C-alpha atoms as a PDB file:
ATOM      1  CA  MET A   1      -0.058  -0.068  -0.185  1.00  0.00           C
ATOM      2  CA  LYS A   2       0.885   3.754  -0.840  1.00  0.00           C
ATOM      3  CA  PHE A   3       0.180   6.342   1.691  1.00  0.00           C
ATOM      4  CA  PHE A   4      -0.688   9.604  -0.276  1.00  0.00           C
ATOM      5  CA  LEU A   5      -0.878  13.538   1.226  1.00  0.00           C
ATOM      6  CA  ILE A   6      -3.339  15.842  -1.273  1.00  0.00           C
ATOM      7  CA  GLU A   7      -3.124  19.390  -1.330  1.00  0.00           C
ATOM      8  CA  LEU A   8      -6.162  20.955  -2.967  1.00  0.00           C
ATOM      9  CA  GLU A   9      -5.982  24.458  -4.363  1.00  0.00           C
ATOM     10  CA  TYR A  10      -9.132  26.109  -4.950  1.00  0.00           C
ATOM     11  CA  LEU A  11      -9.635  27.798  -8.243  1.00  0.00           C
ATOM     12  CA  VAL A  12     -12.821  29.594  -7.789  1.00  0.00           C
ATOM     13  CA  PRO A  13     -13.877  31.930  -4.614  1.00  0.00           C
ATOM     14  CA  LEU A  14     -15.325  30.132  -1.299  1.00  0.00           C
ATOM     15  CA  GLU A  15     -19.156  32.102  -2.744  1.00  0.00           C
ATOM     16  CA  LYS A  16     -18.260  29.723  -5.702  1.00  0.00           C
ATOM     17  CA  LEU A  17     -16.851  26.155  -4.384  1.00  0.00           C
ATOM     18  CA  ASP A  18     -19.208  26.219  -1.018  1.00  0.00           C
ATOM     19  CA  GLN A  19     -22.520  25.784  -3.381  1.00  0.00           C
ATOM     20  CA  ALA A  20     -20.430  22.483  -3.803  1.00  0.00           C
ATOM     21  CA  VAL A  21     -19.276  21.746  -0.660  1.00  0.00           C
ATOM     22  CA  PRO A  22     -21.630  19.191   0.375  1.00  0.00           C
ATOM     23  CA  ALA A  23     -21.394  17.292  -2.634  1.00  0.00           C
ATOM     24  CA  HIS A  24     -17.426  16.736  -1.849  1.00  0.00           C
ATOM     25  CA  ARG A  25     -18.461  15.318   1.704  1.00  0.00           C
ATOM     26  CA  GLU A  26     -20.598  13.050  -0.145  1.00  0.00           C
ATOM     27  CA  PHE A  27     -17.467  12.166  -2.450  1.00  0.00           C
ATOM     28  CA  LEU A  28     -15.049  11.848   0.232  1.00  0.00           C
ATOM     29  CA  GLN A  29     -16.970  10.127   3.173  1.00  0.00           C
ATOM     30  CA  THR A  30     -17.371   7.520   0.260  1.00  0.00           C
ATOM     31  CA  LEU A  31     -14.067   6.793   0.210  1.00  0.00           C
ATOM     32  CA  TYR A  32     -13.882   7.009   3.796  1.00  0.00           C
ATOM     33  CA  ASP A  33     -16.499   3.329   3.870  1.00  0.00           C
ATOM     34  CA  VAL A  34     -13.681   1.577   2.344  1.00  0.00           C
ATOM     35  CA  GLY A  35     -11.369   2.772   4.273  1.00  0.00           C
ATOM     36  CA  THR A  36      -8.635   4.777   1.335  1.00  0.00           C
ATOM     37  CA  LEU A  37      -9.015   7.953   3.045  1.00  0.00           C
ATOM     38  CA  LEU A  38      -7.846   8.472   6.947  1.00  0.00           C
ATOM     39  CA  LEU A  39      -8.035  12.822   7.546  1.00  0.00           C
ATOM     40  CA  SER A  40      -9.348  15.518   5.306  1.00  0.00           C
ATOM     41  CA  GLY A  41     -10.255  19.354   5.695  1.00  0.00           C
ATOM     42  CA  PRO A  42      -9.887  22.854   4.553  1.00  0.00           C
ATOM     43  CA  LYS A  43      -6.417  25.210   5.178  1.00  0.00           C
ATOM     44  CA  GLU A  44      -5.635  27.795   7.064  1.00  0.00           C
ATOM     45  CA  PRO A  45      -6.431  30.159   5.084  1.00  0.00           C
ATOM     46  CA  ARG A  46      -9.318  28.671   3.555  1.00  0.00           C
ATOM     47  CA  ASN A  47      -7.855  28.699  -0.196  1.00  0.00           C
ATOM     48  CA  GLY A  48      -6.857  24.727  -0.215  1.00  0.00           C
ATOM     49  CA  GLY A  49      -7.752  22.173   1.549  1.00  0.00           C
ATOM     50  CA  MET A  50      -5.516  18.504   3.045  1.00  0.00           C
ATOM     51  CA  ILE A  51      -6.129  14.995   2.414  1.00  0.00           C
ATOM     52  CA  ILE A  52      -4.402  11.739   3.623  1.00  0.00           C
ATOM     53  CA  ALA A  53      -5.295   8.546   1.522  1.00  0.00           C
ATOM     54  CA  LYS A  54      -3.693   4.903   1.091  1.00  0.00           C
ATOM     55  CA  SER A  55      -4.102   3.676  -2.485  1.00  0.00           C
ATOM     56  CA  ILE A  56      -2.159   0.940  -4.358  1.00  0.00           C
ATOM     57  CA  SER A  57      -0.621   3.621  -6.283  1.00  0.00           C
ATOM     58  CA  LEU A  58      -0.074   7.258  -7.449  1.00  0.00           C
ATOM     59  CA  GLU A  59      -2.471   6.322 -10.417  1.00  0.00           C
ATOM     60  CA  LYS A  60      -5.003   4.361  -8.374  1.00  0.00           C
ATOM     61  CA  ILE A  61      -5.928   7.591  -5.905  1.00  0.00           C
ATOM     62  CA  SER A  62      -5.493  10.220  -9.043  1.00  0.00           C
ATOM     63  CA  GLU A  63      -8.559   8.329 -10.899  1.00  0.00           C
ATOM     64  CA  LEU A  64     -10.567   8.088  -7.713  1.00  0.00           C
ATOM     65  CA  MET A  65     -10.523  12.105  -7.100  1.00  0.00           C
ATOM     66  CA  LYS A  66     -11.177  12.661 -10.457  1.00  0.00           C
ATOM     67  CA  GLY A  67     -14.399  11.954  -8.859  1.00  0.00           C
ATOM     68  CA  ASP A  68     -14.211  14.633  -6.762  1.00  0.00           C
ATOM     69  CA  PRO A  69     -17.126  17.500  -7.361  1.00  0.00           C
ATOM     70  CA  PHE A  70     -14.338  19.679  -7.005  1.00  0.00           C
ATOM     71  CA  ALA A  71     -12.468  17.985  -9.710  1.00  0.00           C
ATOM     72  CA  LYS A  72     -15.317  17.690 -11.904  1.00  0.00           C
ATOM     73  CA  LEU A  73     -16.929  21.101 -11.559  1.00  0.00           C
ATOM     74  CA  GLY A  74     -13.302  22.994 -11.919  1.00  0.00           C
ATOM     75  CA  TYR A  75     -12.519  24.207  -8.611  1.00  0.00           C
ATOM     76  CA  ALA A  76      -9.690  22.936  -7.261  1.00  0.00           C
ATOM     77  CA  ASN A  77      -5.975  21.224  -8.764  1.00  0.00           C
ATOM     78  CA  TYR A  78      -5.297  18.668  -7.346  1.00  0.00           C
ATOM     79  CA  LYS A  79      -0.955  18.075  -5.639  1.00  0.00           C
ATOM     80  CA  TYR A  80      -0.558  14.804  -4.576  1.00  0.00           C
ATOM     81  CA  THR A  81       2.997  13.435  -2.567  1.00  0.00           C
ATOM     82  CA  GLU A  82       3.622  10.191  -1.618  1.00  0.00           C
ATOM     83  CA  PHE A  83       4.984   9.336   2.055  1.00  0.00           C
ATOM     84  CA  HIS A  84       6.216   6.036   3.572  1.00  0.00           C
ATOM     85  CA  PRO A  85       5.091   6.810   7.489  1.00  0.00           C
ATOM     86  CA  VAL A  86       7.925   5.099   9.026  1.00  0.00           C
ATOM     87  CA  LYS A  87       6.477   6.453  12.918  1.00  0.00           C
ATOM     88  CA  HIS A  88       2.864   6.514  14.076  1.00  0.00           C
ATOM     89  CA  GLN A  89       0.539   6.967  16.800  1.00  0.00           C
ATOM     90  CA  THR A  90      -0.718   2.548  17.611  1.00  0.00           C
ATOM     91  CA  PHE A  91      -4.480   2.806  16.796  1.00  0.00           C
ATOM     92  CA  LEU A  92      -3.537   3.642  13.427  1.00  0.00           C
ATOM     93  CA  LYS A  93      -2.181   0.259  12.918  1.00  0.00           C
ATOM     94  CA  SER A  94      -5.331  -1.691  11.405  1.00  0.00           C
ATOM     95  CA  TRP A  95      -5.718   1.257   8.733  1.00  0.00           C
ATOM     96  CA  LEU A  96      -2.216   1.570   7.937  1.00  0.00           C
ATOM     97  CA  GLU A  97      -2.139  -2.145   7.343  1.00  0.00           C
ATOM     98  CA  GLY A  98      -5.755  -2.439   5.831  1.00  0.00           C
END
């Protein structure tokens, strides 16, 4: 399994983005439900967002994220950084190994 930090950069005003937030969060929930995502949320200041995810490959996670309403609407750019967790809280063991 590979692990990714996904950084979103918003491309539209927040007023427009906010209209798509419920659909965006519903989409993310589908990835939480299957164990792909660990954390997600907006950055501060709110000019983008961050997601911690796992996948078998960069190609697979980037393909999944194309289904995000923010991506479909052209509201955000996505940057993927693969990393290798070396240390972690013990309660994360099952997510990391699953």
